[in-house]
C-alpha atoms as a PDB file:
ATOM      1  CA  MET A   1      81.711 104.496  97.775  1.00  0.00           C
ATOM      2  CA  LYS A   2      82.600 102.145  94.911  1.00  0.00           C
ATOM      3  CA  THR A   3      85.768 100.435  94.659  1.00  0.00           C
ATOM      4  CA  LEU A   4      87.140  98.975  91.636  1.00  0.00           C
ATOM      5  CA  GLU A   5      90.620  97.128  91.116  1.00  0.00           C
ATOM      6  CA  VAL A   6      92.778  97.682  88.289  1.00  0.00           C
ATOM      7  CA  ASP A   7      94.612  94.020  88.096  1.00  0.00           C
ATOM      8  CA  LEU A   8      98.133  94.448  86.715  1.00  0.00           C
ATOM      9  CA  GLY A   9      99.691  91.574  89.241  1.00  0.00           C
ATOM     10  CA  SER A  10     102.045  93.634  91.405  1.00  0.00           C
ATOM     11  CA  ARG A  11     101.301  97.408  90.069  1.00  0.00           C
ATOM     12  CA  SER A  12      97.810  96.569  90.445  1.00  0.00           C
ATOM     13  CA  TYR A  13      95.440  99.637  92.195  1.00  0.00           C
ATOM     14  CA  PRO A  14      92.535 100.736  92.970  1.00  0.00           C
ATOM     15  CA  ILE A  15      89.915 103.650  91.845  1.00  0.00           C
ATOM     16  CA  HIS A  16      88.232 104.634  94.514  1.00  0.00           C
ATOM     17  CA  ILE A  17      84.502 106.516  92.998  1.00  0.00           C
ATOM     18  CA  GLY A  18      82.653 108.445  95.658  1.00  0.00           C
ATOM     19  CA  THR A  19      81.794 111.630  97.373  1.00  0.00           C
ATOM     20  CA  ASP A  20      84.365 114.205  99.530  1.00  0.00           C
ATOM     21  CA  LEU A  21      86.837 111.509  98.881  1.00  0.00           C
ATOM     22  CA  ILE A  22      89.274 114.243  99.106  1.00  0.00           C
ATOM     23  CA  ASP A  23      89.527 114.845 102.892  1.00  0.00           C
ATOM     24  CA  GLN A  24      89.623 110.952 103.711  1.00  0.00           C
ATOM     25  CA  ALA A  25      92.796 110.262 104.175  1.00  0.00           C
ATOM     26  CA  PRO A  26      92.839 106.374 104.523  1.00  0.00           C
ATOM     27  CA  LEU A  27      92.209 106.633 101.065  1.00  0.00           C
ATOM     28  CA  PHE A  28      95.897 108.076 100.618  1.00  0.00           C
ATOM     29  CA  SER A  29      96.950 105.330 102.573  1.00  0.00           C
ATOM     30  CA  ALA A  30      99.735 104.724  99.754  1.00  0.00           C
ATOM     31  CA  CYS A  31     101.522 108.355 101.211  1.00  0.00           C
ATOM     32  CA  LYS A  32     102.165 106.373 104.107  1.00  0.00           C
ATOM     33  CA  SER A  33     105.769 105.161 102.916  1.00  0.00           C
ATOM     34  CA  ALA A  34     106.637 108.692 101.057  1.00  0.00           C
ATOM     35  CA  THR A  35     109.577 110.715 102.130  1.00  0.00           C
ATOM     36  CA  SER A  36     107.468 113.699 100.764  1.00  0.00           C
ATOM     37  CA  ILE A  37     104.491 114.904  98.906  1.00  0.00           C
ATOM     38  CA  TYR A  38     103.674 116.847  96.510  1.00  0.00           C
ATOM     39  CA  ILE A  39     100.814 118.153  94.926  1.00  0.00           C
ATOM     40  CA  VAL A  40     100.637 118.958  91.440  1.00  0.00           C
ATOM     41  CA  THR A  41      97.675 121.366  90.399  1.00  0.00           C
ATOM     42  CA  ASN A  42      96.448 123.845  88.189  1.00  0.00           C
ATOM     43  CA  THR A  43      95.515 127.369  88.640  1.00  0.00           C
ATOM     44  CA  THR A  44      91.480 127.192  88.519  1.00  0.00           C
ATOM     45  CA  VAL A  45      91.824 124.111  90.187  1.00  0.00           C
ATOM     46  CA  ALA A  46      94.675 124.959  93.262  1.00  0.00           C
ATOM     47  CA  PRO A  47      92.000 128.002  95.091  1.00  0.00           C
ATOM     48  CA  LEU A  48      89.516 125.111  95.125  1.00  0.00           C
ATOM     49  CA  TYR A  49      90.686 122.128  96.033  1.00  0.00           C
ATOM     50  CA  ALA A  50      94.608 121.810  97.371  1.00  0.00           C
ATOM     51  CA  GLN A  51      93.966 123.650 101.200  1.00  0.00           C
ATOM     52  CA  ARG A  52      91.221 120.752 101.720  1.00  0.00           C
ATOM     53  CA  LEU A  53      93.821 117.550  99.599  1.00  0.00           C
ATOM     54  CA  THR A  54      96.894 119.322 101.533  1.00  0.00           C
ATOM     55  CA  GLN A  55      95.255 119.015 104.965  1.00  0.00           C
ATOM     56  CA  THR A  56      94.294 115.847 103.990  1.00  0.00           C
ATOM     57  CA  LEU A  57      97.654 114.457 103.317  1.00  0.00           C
ATOM     58  CA  GLU A  58      98.792 116.329 106.347  1.00  0.00           C
ATOM     59  CA  LYS A  59      97.223 113.954 108.685  1.00  0.00           C
ATOM     60  CA  LEU A  60      99.794 111.306 107.218  1.00  0.00           C
ATOM     61  CA  GLY A  61     102.417 113.101 109.114  1.00  0.00           C
ATOM     62  CA  LYS A  62     103.571 114.018 105.984  1.00  0.00           C
ATOM     63  CA  SER A  63     105.322 116.893 104.814  1.00  0.00           C
ATOM     64  CA  VAL A  64     103.191 118.782 101.827  1.00  0.00           C
ATOM     65  CA  ARG A  65     104.062 121.335  98.848  1.00  0.00           C
ATOM     66  CA  THR A  66     102.127 122.542  96.083  1.00  0.00           C
ATOM     67  CA  ILE A  67     103.341 122.760  92.470  1.00  0.00           C
ATOM     68  CA  VAL A  68     100.453 125.180  90.103  1.00  0.00           C
ATOM     69  CA  LEU A  69     101.042 125.204  86.920  1.00  0.00           C
ATOM     70  CA  PRO A  70      98.955 127.247  84.618  1.00  0.00           C
ATOM     71  CA  ASP A  71      95.582 125.733  83.365  1.00  0.00           C
ATOM     72  CA  GLY A  72      95.035 124.911  79.603  1.00  0.00           C
ATOM     73  CA  GLU A  73      96.254 122.357  77.416  1.00  0.00           C
ATOM     74  CA  SER A  74      98.209 124.573  75.106  1.00  0.00           C
ATOM     75  CA  TYR A  75     101.066 124.439  78.522  1.00  0.00           C
ATOM     76  CA  LYS A  76     101.186 120.908  78.409  1.00  0.00           C
ATOM     77  CA  ASP A  77     104.396 121.038  77.055  1.00  0.00           C
ATOM     78  CA  TRP A  78     108.749 120.769  77.662  1.00  0.00           C
ATOM     79  CA  LYS A  79     108.686 124.078  79.346  1.00  0.00           C
ATOM     80  CA  HIS A  80     105.963 123.450  81.701  1.00  0.00           C
ATOM     81  CA  LEU A  81     106.884 120.166  82.304  1.00  0.00           C
ATOM     82  CA  GLN A  82     110.818 121.253  83.581  1.00  0.00           C
ATOM     83  CA  LEU A  83     108.558 123.486  86.362  1.00  0.00           C
ATOM     84  CA  ILE A  84     107.898 120.375  88.124  1.00  0.00           C
ATOM     85  CA  PHE A  85     111.349 119.127  87.536  1.00  0.00           C
ATOM     86  CA  ASP A  86     112.852 122.361  88.762  1.00  0.00           C
ATOM     87  CA  ASP A  87     110.704 122.163  92.174  1.00  0.00           C
ATOM     88  CA  LEU A  88     111.381 118.978  93.368  1.00  0.00           C
ATOM     89  CA  LEU A  89     115.113 119.493  92.408  1.00  0.00           C
ATOM     90  CA  LYS A  90     115.131 122.740  94.405  1.00  0.00           C
ATOM     91  CA  HIS A  91     112.967 121.076  97.592  1.00  0.00           C
ATOM     92  CA  GLY A  92     115.159 117.838  97.998  1.00  0.00           C
ATOM     93  CA  ALA A  93     112.613 115.221  95.891  1.00  0.00           C
ATOM     94  CA  ASP A  94     113.937 112.152  96.376  1.00  0.00           C
ATOM     95  CA  ARG A  95     113.404 107.778  95.327  1.00  0.00           C
ATOM     96  CA  GLN A  96     110.530 107.778  97.984  1.00  0.00           C
ATOM     97  CA  THR A  97     108.557 111.251  97.150  1.00  0.00           C
ATOM     98  CA  MET A  98     104.733 110.544  96.387  1.00  0.00           C
ATOM     99  CA  LEU A  99     103.198 112.674  93.502  1.00  0.00           C
ATOM    100  CA  VAL A 100      99.540 113.576  93.861  1.00  0.00           C
ATOM    101  CA  ALA A 101      98.540 114.861  90.462  1.00  0.00           C
ATOM    102  CA  LEU A 102      95.160 117.378  91.484  1.00  0.00           C
ATOM    103  CA  GLY A 103      93.382 118.401  88.216  1.00  0.00           C
ATOM    104  CA  GLY A 104      91.837 117.150  84.733  1.00  0.00           C
ATOM    105  CA  GLY A 105      93.539 115.282  82.395  1.00  0.00           C
ATOM    106  CA  VAL A 106      96.311 117.643  81.607  1.00  0.00           C
ATOM    107  CA  ILE A 107      97.815 117.876  85.027  1.00  0.00           C
ATOM    108  CA  GLY A 108      97.304 113.955  84.825  1.00  0.00           C
ATOM    109  CA  ASP A 109      99.547 113.633  81.927  1.00  0.00           C
ATOM    110  CA  MET A 110     102.181 116.173  83.272  1.00  0.00           C
ATOM    111  CA  THR A 111     102.032 114.481  86.728  1.00  0.00           C
ATOM    112  CA  GLY A 112     102.011 110.817  85.470  1.00  0.00           C
ATOM    113  CA  PHE A 113     104.785 111.925  82.964  1.00  0.00           C
ATOM    114  CA  ALA A 114     107.111 113.594  85.679  1.00  0.00           C
ATOM    115  CA  ALA A 115     106.481 110.727  88.284  1.00  0.00           C
ATOM    116  CA  ALA A 116     107.589 108.280  85.090  1.00  0.00           C
ATOM    117  CA  SER A 117     110.608 110.388  84.596  1.00  0.00           C
ATOM    118  CA  PHE A 118     112.379 111.791  87.972  1.00  0.00           C
ATOM    119  CA  MET A 119     114.774 109.593  89.676  1.00  0.00           C
ATOM    120  CA  ARG A 120     113.897 107.227  86.775  1.00  0.00           C
ATOM    121  CA  GLY A 121     110.494 106.693  88.154  1.00  0.00           C
ATOM    122  CA  VAL A 122     108.205 107.398  91.730  1.00  0.00           C
ATOM    123  CA  ARG A 123     105.561 106.848  92.639  1.00  0.00           C
ATOM    124  CA  PHE A 124     101.774 108.928  92.258  1.00  0.00           C
ATOM    125  CA  ILE A 125      98.546 109.076  92.916  1.00  0.00           C
ATOM    126  CA  GLN A 126      95.947 110.884  90.344  1.00  0.00           C
ATOM    127  CA  VAL A 127      92.887 112.855  92.011  1.00  0.00           C
ATOM    128  CA  PRO A 128      90.615 113.559  88.885  1.00  0.00           C
ATOM    129  CA  THR A 129      88.939 116.429  89.197  1.00  0.00           C
ATOM    130  CA  THR A 130      86.934 116.435  85.194  1.00  0.00           C
ATOM    131  CA  LEU A 131      84.518 114.019  84.029  1.00  0.00           C
ATOM    132  CA  LEU A 132      86.993 113.707  81.269  1.00  0.00           C
ATOM    133  CA  ALA A 133      89.635 112.867  83.411  1.00  0.00           C
ATOM    134  CA  GLN A 134      87.761 110.553  85.892  1.00  0.00           C
ATOM    135  CA  VAL A 135      85.961 108.129  83.138  1.00  0.00           C
ATOM    136  CA  ASP A 136      89.578 108.066  80.896  1.00  0.00           C
ATOM    137  CA  SER A 137      92.933 110.138  81.390  1.00  0.00           C
ATOM    138  CA  SER A 138      93.395 109.267  85.073  1.00  0.00           C
ATOM    139  CA  VAL A 139      93.043 105.440  84.358  1.00  0.00           C
ATOM    140  CA  GLY A 140      95.486 103.512  82.801  1.00  0.00           C
ATOM    141  CA  GLY A 141      99.324 104.566  83.035  1.00  0.00           C
ATOM    142  CA  LYS A 142      99.198 106.450  79.745  1.00  0.00           C
ATOM    143  CA  THR A 143     101.157 109.908  80.490  1.00  0.00           C
ATOM    144  CA  GLY A 144     102.963 112.754  78.271  1.00  0.00           C
ATOM    145  CA  ILE A 145     103.088 115.578  76.362  1.00  0.00           C
ATOM    146  CA  ASN A 146     102.165 117.421  73.561  1.00  0.00           C
ATOM    147  CA  HIS A 147     104.539 118.323  70.435  1.00  0.00           C
ATOM    148  CA  PRO A 148     104.050 121.105  67.802  1.00  0.00           C
ATOM    149  CA  LEU A 149     103.628 118.262  65.560  1.00  0.00           C
ATOM    150  CA  GLY A 150     101.639 115.592  67.412  1.00  0.00           C
ATOM    151  CA  LYS A 151      99.322 115.535  70.513  1.00  0.00           C
ATOM    152  CA  ASN A 152     100.357 112.923  73.439  1.00  0.00           C
ATOM    153  CA  MET A 153     103.832 111.579  71.170  1.00  0.00           C
ATOM    154  CA  ILE A 154     106.038 112.344  74.299  1.00  0.00           C
ATOM    155  CA  GLY A 155     105.393 109.972  77.090  1.00  0.00           C
ATOM    156  CA  ALA A 156     105.646 106.876  78.974  1.00  0.00           C
ATOM    157  CA  PHE A 157     103.352 104.313  80.438  1.00  0.00           C
ATOM    158  CA  HIS A 158     103.709 104.669  84.214  1.00  0.00           C
ATOM    159  CA  GLN A 159     100.568 103.465  86.014  1.00  0.00           C
ATOM    160  CA  PRO A 160      99.611 105.114  89.619  1.00  0.00           C
ATOM    161  CA  VAL A 161      98.938 103.871  92.575  1.00  0.00           C
ATOM    162  CA  ALA A 162      95.267 104.933  93.017  1.00  0.00           C
ATOM    163  CA  VAL A 163      92.563 107.168  91.678  1.00  0.00           C
ATOM    164  CA  ILE A 164      90.858 108.938  93.628  1.00  0.00           C
ATOM    165  CA  ALA A 165      87.435 110.134  91.546  1.00  0.00           C
ATOM    166  CA  ASP A 166      85.704 112.262  93.927  1.00  0.00           C
ATOM    167  CA  LEU A 167      82.298 113.210  92.279  1.00  0.00           C
ATOM    168  CA  ASN A 168      81.632 116.582  94.008  1.00  0.00           C
ATOM    169  CA  THR A 169      84.656 118.231  91.939  1.00  0.00           C
ATOM    170  CA  LEU A 170      82.533 117.439  89.098  1.00  0.00           C
ATOM    171  CA  LYS A 171      80.006 120.070  90.895  1.00  0.00           C
ATOM    172  CA  THR A 172      82.179 123.180  89.945  1.00  0.00           C
ATOM    173  CA  LEU A 173      82.957 122.188  85.952  1.00  0.00           C
ATOM    174  CA  ALA A 174      82.038 124.638  83.496  1.00  0.00           C
ATOM    175  CA  PRO A 175      79.335 123.201  81.332  1.00  0.00           C
ATOM    176  CA  ARG A 176      81.515 123.229  78.707  1.00  0.00           C
ATOM    177  CA  GLU A 177      84.553 121.033  80.566  1.00  0.00           C
ATOM    178  CA  LEU A 178      81.332 118.443  81.545  1.00  0.00           C
ATOM    179  CA  SER A 179      79.719 118.243  77.971  1.00  0.00           C
ATOM    180  CA  ALA A 180      83.971 117.094  76.952  1.00  0.00           C
ATOM    181  CA  GLY A 181      83.824 114.634  79.690  1.00  0.00           C
ATOM    182  CA  LEU A 182      80.787 113.267  78.425  1.00  0.00           C
ATOM    183  CA  ALA A 183      82.101 112.510  74.851  1.00  0.00           C
ATOM    184  CA  GLU A 184      84.599 110.020  76.332  1.00  0.00           C
ATOM    185  CA  VAL A 185      81.555 108.271  77.895  1.00  0.00           C
ATOM    186  CA  VAL A 186      79.676 108.020  74.847  1.00  0.00           C
ATOM    187  CA  LYS A 187      83.030 106.471  73.612  1.00  0.00           C
ATOM    188  CA  HIS A 188      83.319 103.723  75.827  1.00  0.00           C
ATOM    189  CA  GLY A 189      79.339 103.092  75.395  1.00  0.00           C
ATOM    190  CA  ALA A 190      80.055 103.518  71.743  1.00  0.00           C
ATOM    191  CA  ILE A 191      83.040 100.710  71.219  1.00  0.00           C
ATOM    192  CA  ALA A 192      82.569  98.193  74.272  1.00  0.00           C
ATOM    193  CA  ASP A 193      78.682  98.401  75.504  1.00  0.00           C
ATOM    194  CA  LYS A 194      75.499  99.399  73.960  1.00  0.00           C
ATOM    195  CA  ASP A 195      73.197  99.041  76.703  1.00  0.00           C
ATOM    196  CA  PHE A 196      75.285 101.345  78.391  1.00  0.00           C
ATOM    197  CA  LEU A 197      74.885 103.642  75.306  1.00  0.00           C
ATOM    198  CA  ASN A 198      71.356 102.808  75.535  1.00  0.00           C
ATOM    199  CA  TRP A 199      71.711 104.083  79.092  1.00  0.00           C
ATOM    200  CA  ILE A 200      73.479 107.426  78.319  1.00  0.00           C
ATOM    201  CA  GLU A 201      70.627 108.318  75.762  1.00  0.00           C
ATOM    202  CA  ALA A 202      68.053 107.828  77.697  1.00  0.00           C
ATOM    203  CA  ASN A 203      69.730 109.756  80.899  1.00  0.00           C
ATOM    204  CA  ALA A 204      71.196 112.841  78.806  1.00  0.00           C
ATOM    205  CA  THR A 205      69.096 115.198  80.650  1.00  0.00           C
ATOM    206  CA  ALA A 206      70.302 113.518  84.280  1.00  0.00           C
ATOM    207  CA  LEU A 207      74.101 113.828  82.483  1.00  0.00           C
ATOM    208  CA  MET A 208      73.760 116.947  81.916  1.00  0.00           C
ATOM    209  CA  ALA A 209      72.330 118.796  84.977  1.00  0.00           C
ATOM    210  CA  CYS A 210      75.565 117.010  86.620  1.00  0.00           C
ATOM    211  CA  ASP A 211      73.139 114.740  88.787  1.00  0.00           C
ATOM    212  CA  THR A 212      75.249 113.141  91.249  1.00  0.00           C
ATOM    213  CA  GLU A 213      73.674 109.947  90.380  1.00  0.00           C
ATOM    214  CA  ALA A 214      73.556 109.510  86.776  1.00  0.00           C
ATOM    215  CA  MET A 215      77.680 110.564  87.263  1.00  0.00           C
ATOM    216  CA  ALA A 216      78.303 107.834  89.608  1.00  0.00           C
ATOM    217  CA  TYR A 217      77.425 105.270  87.394  1.00  0.00           C
ATOM    218  CA  ALA A 218      78.727 106.962  84.273  1.00  0.00           C
ATOM    219  CA  VAL A 219      82.270 107.279  85.463  1.00  0.00           C
ATOM    220  CA  LEU A 220      81.745 103.440  87.214  1.00  0.00           C
ATOM    221  CA  ARG A 221      80.616 101.970  83.939  1.00  0.00           C
ATOM    222  CA  SER A 222      83.621 103.957  82.077  1.00  0.00           C
ATOM    223  CA  CYS A 223      86.475 102.909  84.379  1.00  0.00           C
ATOM    224  CA  GLN A 224      84.951  99.637  84.582  1.00  0.00           C
ATOM    225  CA  ILE A 225      85.806  98.972  80.679  1.00  0.00           C
ATOM    226  CA  LYS A 226      88.702 100.735  80.664  1.00  0.00           C
ATOM    227  CA  SER A 227      90.117  99.202  83.564  1.00  0.00           C
ATOM    228  CA  ALA A 228      88.950  95.878  81.434  1.00  0.00           C
ATOM    229  CA  VAL A 229      90.539  96.991  78.425  1.00  0.00           C
ATOM    230  CA  VAL A 230      94.128  98.120  80.133  1.00  0.00           C
ATOM    231  CA  CYS A 231      94.321  94.993  81.722  1.00  0.00           C
ATOM    232  CA  ALA A 232      93.731  92.915  78.520  1.00  0.00           C
ATOM    233  CA  ASP A 233      96.322  95.443  76.831  1.00  0.00           C
ATOM    234  CA  GLU A 234      98.385  97.848  79.082  1.00  0.00           C
ATOM    235  CA  ARG A 235     100.662  98.803  76.460  1.00  0.00           C
ATOM    236  CA  GLU A 236      98.546  98.994  73.454  1.00  0.00           C
ATOM    237  CA  ALA A 237      99.694  96.409  70.942  1.00  0.00           C
ATOM    238  CA  GLY A 238      96.462  95.587  70.282  1.00  0.00           C
ATOM    239  CA  ILE A 239      92.292  96.193  71.870  1.00  0.00           C
ATOM    240  CA  ARG A 240      93.546  99.081  74.063  1.00  0.00           C
ATOM    241  CA  ALA A 241      94.011 101.277  70.578  1.00  0.00           C
ATOM    242  CA  THR A 242      90.198 100.812  70.298  1.00  0.00           C
ATOM    243  CA  LEU A 243      90.015 103.140  73.052  1.00  0.00           C
ATOM    244  CA  ASN A 244      90.888 105.760  71.025  1.00  0.00           C
ATOM    245  CA  PHE A 245      87.954 105.913  68.608  1.00  0.00           C
ATOM    246  CA  GLY A 246      87.321 109.763  67.555  1.00  0.00           C
ATOM    247  CA  HIS A 247      90.665 110.125  68.537  1.00  0.00           C
ATOM    248  CA  THR A 248      92.619 109.776  65.489  1.00  0.00           C
ATOM    249  CA  PHE A 249      90.519 112.308  63.656  1.00  0.00           C
ATOM    250  CA  GLY A 250      90.057 114.580  67.131  1.00  0.00           C
ATOM    251  CA  HIS A 251      93.827 114.310  67.977  1.00  0.00           C
ATOM    252  CA  ALA A 252      94.038 116.381  64.185  1.00  0.00           C
ATOM    253  CA  ILE A 253      91.151 118.926  65.124  1.00  0.00           C
ATOM    254  CA  GLU A 254      93.384 120.111  68.234  1.00  0.00           C
ATOM    255  CA  ALA A 255      96.750 120.047  66.628  1.00  0.00           C
ATOM    256  CA  GLY A 256      95.298 121.913  63.472  1.00  0.00           C
ATOM    257  CA  LEU A 257      93.664 124.917  65.508  1.00  0.00           C
ATOM    258  CA  GLY A 258      96.316 125.125  67.642  1.00  0.00           C
ATOM    259  CA  TYR A 259      96.187 122.869  71.318  1.00  0.00           C
ATOM    260  CA  GLY A 260      93.683 124.809  73.509  1.00  0.00           C
ATOM    261  CA  LYS A 261      91.215 126.226  71.002  1.00  0.00           C
ATOM    262  CA  TRP A 262      88.753 123.022  71.330  1.00  0.00           C
ATOM    263  CA  LEU A 263      88.409 120.996  74.385  1.00  0.00           C
ATOM    264  CA  HIS A 264      89.986 117.739  73.826  1.00  0.00           C
ATOM    265  CA  GLY A 265      86.444 116.314  74.672  1.00  0.00           C
ATOM    266  CA  GLU A 266      85.022 118.344  72.295  1.00  0.00           C
ATOM    267  CA  ALA A 267      88.058 117.436  69.203  1.00  0.00           C
ATOM    268  CA  VAL A 268      87.293 113.599  70.191  1.00  0.00           C
ATOM    269  CA  GLY A 269      83.261 114.064  70.142  1.00  0.00           C
ATOM    270  CA  CYS A 270      82.994 115.653  66.529  1.00  0.00           C
ATOM    271  CA  GLY A 271      86.370 112.770  65.474  1.00  0.00           C
ATOM    272  CA  MET A 272      83.333 110.249  66.314  1.00  0.00           C
ATOM    273  CA  VAL A 273      81.290 111.561  64.143  1.00  0.00           C
ATOM    274  CA  ILE A 274      83.920 111.383  61.374  1.00  0.00           C
ATOM    275  CA  ALA A 275      84.717 108.442  62.214  1.00  0.00           C
ATOM    276  CA  ALA A 276      81.300 106.658  62.695  1.00  0.00           C
ATOM    277  CA  ASN A 277      80.513 108.016  59.072  1.00  0.00           C
ATOM    278  CA  LEU A 278      83.670 106.377  57.969  1.00  0.00           C
ATOM    279  CA  SER A 279      81.864 102.959  59.655  1.00  0.00           C
ATOM    280  CA  CYS A 280      79.085 103.189  57.851  1.00  0.00           C
ATOM    281  CA  ARG A 281      81.355 103.918  54.396  1.00  0.00           C
ATOM    282  CA  LEU A 282      82.993 100.658  54.779  1.00  0.00           C
ATOM    283  CA  ASN A 283      79.404  99.324  55.557  1.00  0.00           C
ATOM    284  CA  LEU A 284      79.931  98.071  59.057  1.00  0.00           C
ATOM    285  CA  ILE A 285      77.038 100.463  60.833  1.00  0.00           C
ATOM    286  CA  ASN A 286      73.923 101.632  58.432  1.00  0.00           C
ATOM    287  CA  GLN A 287      72.809 105.276  58.352  1.00  0.00           C
ATOM    288  CA  SER A 288      70.353 104.994  61.174  1.00  0.00           C
ATOM    289  CA  GLU A 289      72.989 103.899  63.328  1.00  0.00           C
ATOM    290  CA  GLU A 290      75.285 106.553  62.109  1.00  0.00           C
ATOM    291  CA  ALA A 291      72.531 109.091  62.514  1.00  0.00           C
ATOM    292  CA  ARG A 292      71.792 107.736  66.187  1.00  0.00           C
ATOM    293  CA  LEU A 293      75.658 107.986  67.513  1.00  0.00           C
ATOM    294  CA  ILE A 294      75.703 111.656  65.700  1.00  0.00           C
ATOM    295  CA  LYS A 295      72.222 112.814  68.160  1.00  0.00           C
ATOM    296  CA  ILE A 296      73.822 111.296  71.219  1.00  0.00           C
ATOM    297  CA  ILE A 297      77.050 113.172  71.030  1.00  0.00           C
ATOM    298  CA  GLN A 298      74.565 116.621  70.203  1.00  0.00           C
ATOM    299  CA  LEU A 299      72.437 115.574  73.219  1.00  0.00           C
ATOM    300  CA  MET A 300      75.999 115.972  75.255  1.00  0.00           C
ATOM    301  CA  ASN A 301      76.233 119.833  73.701  1.00  0.00           C
ATOM    302  CA  LEU A 302      79.553 118.719  71.400  1.00  0.00           C
ATOM    303  CA  PRO A 303      80.493 119.753  67.990  1.00  0.00           C
ATOM    304  CA  THR A 304      79.482 117.603  65.017  1.00  0.00           C
ATOM    305  CA  GLN A 305      80.700 120.315  62.522  1.00  0.00           C
ATOM    306  CA  PRO A 306      84.166 119.814  62.092  1.00  0.00           C
ATOM    307  CA  PRO A 307      86.730 122.225  60.694  1.00  0.00           C
ATOM    308  CA  LYS A 308      87.291 122.810  57.899  1.00  0.00           C
ATOM    309  CA  PHE A 309      90.964 122.256  57.052  1.00  0.00           C
ATOM    310  CA  GLY A 310      90.485 120.292  53.800  1.00  0.00           C
ATOM    311  CA  ALA A 311      91.626 116.491  53.353  1.00  0.00           C
ATOM    312  CA  GLU A 312      95.491 117.272  52.885  1.00  0.00           C
ATOM    313  CA  ARG A 313      95.650 118.602  56.034  1.00  0.00           C
ATOM    314  CA  TYR A 314      94.003 116.229  57.445  1.00  0.00           C
ATOM    315  CA  MET A 315      95.597 113.538  56.508  1.00  0.00           C
ATOM    316  CA  GLU A 316      99.222 115.092  57.274  1.00  0.00           C
ATOM    317  CA  LEU A 317      97.614 115.966  60.702  1.00  0.00           C
ATOM    318  CA  MET A 318      97.203 111.974  61.226  1.00  0.00           C
ATOM    319  CA  ALA A 319      99.940 110.915  59.910  1.00  0.00           C
ATOM    320  CA  VAL A 320     101.602 111.725  63.124  1.00  0.00           C
ATOM    321  CA  ASP A 321      99.450 109.494  65.123  1.00  0.00           C
ATOM    322  CA  LYS A 322     100.438 106.454  67.581  1.00  0.00           C
ATOM    323  CA  LYS A 323      98.698 103.905  65.474  1.00  0.00           C
ATOM    324  CA  THR A 324     100.581 104.699  62.339  1.00  0.00           C
ATOM    325  CA  GLU A 325     102.120 101.797  61.609  1.00  0.00           C
ATOM    326  CA  GLY A 326     105.045 101.719  58.832  1.00  0.00           C
ATOM    327  CA  GLY A 327     103.588 104.584  57.207  1.00  0.00           C
ATOM    328  CA  GLN A 328     100.159 103.521  57.466  1.00  0.00           C
ATOM    329  CA  ILE A 329      97.394 105.366  59.491  1.00  0.00           C
ATOM    330  CA  ARG A 330      94.832 103.007  61.402  1.00  0.00           C
ATOM    331  CA  TYR A 331      91.596 103.846  61.984  1.00  0.00           C
ATOM    332  CA  VAL A 332      89.401 102.616  65.188  1.00  0.00           C
ATOM    333  CA  VAL A 333      85.471 101.876  63.265  1.00  0.00           C
ATOM    334  CA  LEU A 334      82.290 100.634  64.670  1.00  0.00           C
ATOM    335  CA  GLU A 335      82.397  96.960  64.058  1.00  0.00           C
ATOM    336  CA  LYS A 336      78.632  97.580  65.482  1.00  0.00           C
ATOM    337  CA  MET A 337      76.814  99.601  68.294  1.00  0.00           C
ATOM    338  CA  GLY A 338      79.049  98.175  71.127  1.00  0.00           C
ATOM    339  CA  GLN A 339      81.922  96.791  69.474  1.00  0.00           C
ATOM    340  CA  ALA A 340      84.965  98.392  68.001  1.00  0.00           C
ATOM    341  CA  GLN A 341      87.738  97.485  65.526  1.00  0.00           C
ATOM    342  CA  ILE A 342      91.251  98.889  64.275  1.00  0.00           C
ATOM    343  CA  LYS A 343      91.452  98.551  60.174  1.00  0.00           C
ATOM    344  CA  SER A 344      93.808  99.740  57.894  1.00  0.00           C
ATOM    345  CA  VAL A 345      91.617 102.206  55.237  1.00  0.00           C
ATOM    346  CA  ALA A 346      92.315 103.438  51.870  1.00  0.00           C
ATOM    347  CA  ASP A 347      93.076 106.769  51.721  1.00  0.00           C
ATOM    348  CA  ALA A 348      90.494 107.512  49.248  1.00  0.00           C
ATOM    349  CA  LEU A 349      87.764 106.589  51.202  1.00  0.00           C
ATOM    350  CA  VAL A 350      89.393 108.527  54.128  1.00  0.00           C
ATOM    351  CA  ILE A 351      88.798 111.276  52.078  1.00  0.00           C
ATOM    352  CA  GLU A 352      85.510 110.837  50.685  1.00  0.00           C
ATOM    353  CA  THR A 353      84.688 110.499  54.211  1.00  0.00           C
ATOM    354  CA  LEU A 354      86.251 114.170  55.446  1.00  0.00           C
ATOM    355  CA  MET A 355      84.171 114.930  52.613  1.00  0.00           C
ATOM    356  CA  ALA A 356      81.222 113.863  53.722  1.00  0.00           C
ATOM    357  CA  THR A 357      81.264 115.607  57.226  1.00  0.00           C
ATOM    358  CA  GLY A 358      82.328 119.159  55.953  1.00  0.00           C
ATOM    359  CA  ALA A 359      85.931 118.533  57.190  1.00  0.00           C
ATOM    360  CA  ALA A 360      87.517 118.985  53.594  1.00  0.00           C
END
């Protein structure tokens, strides 16, 4: 097991990465002071891991309940968030209740938002069971739900008290889910560590086979990169926004198709293709670097051809983005391989990019 510390002063917390961690009660020691524990999970994950986690938490001498939500991005909304609150209130949860998010990014985001909001804030633990959640969404305290007009536009910053990433849960992932998670791994290399990107390219076969050793390093390095950025800019006032490379275009794809049609990582992978083309048009990276990044994305079996919404629709969808300031969309582009920046770009150049990549 490897343990990283997200250094946020009094709100610091560990990220534990290893195998069979769900069964290790000492890792959940933060629950000892809880009056009750509520596991929030979904219909896919619950049959696999909910009972094991319940047995682990009961070793701490606590009452444990499980809240099971439907599985999918399309359920990341007010209606299904309300189901968490309904169960908490019905069964007498209080300010010392602990929530435990057992699942992927949707469960983590919704449980975190419920924890941030219930009685104005209770503690929660992330137990991410997808690669995307282990390398990205479980770390950093971003929580929230989607709105029909924009992804993750309603939410709060609320840090967990621990992240427990059990690598064995990745063995039950469908190939499509695995690829979606690898999009965020590639992103971390592209924006922050050229050597890591080289490693990803060299180990693509092992990553696609969900080799435990390869996954352990991919999760560890991704968490190191993300936690360093979060510690430097917790509330995304500056550098943290670079973690959204590919996301402005990707979120537009998700919203335009309807949430759940493409997985988040699939949309981000394709969004990185568009963002790389934009970076090239800005003369920040060259065509061979753009082509190489697209090749790596393809090695992860991710889509590289964006949906053809048309330029006007893309611009409309991207206008509802958290990086938009004063009506101006700000894009994350590659300054060079392994380094990103946030930049305002003329609409005409963005439209050229959309046309060149087949989005318009």
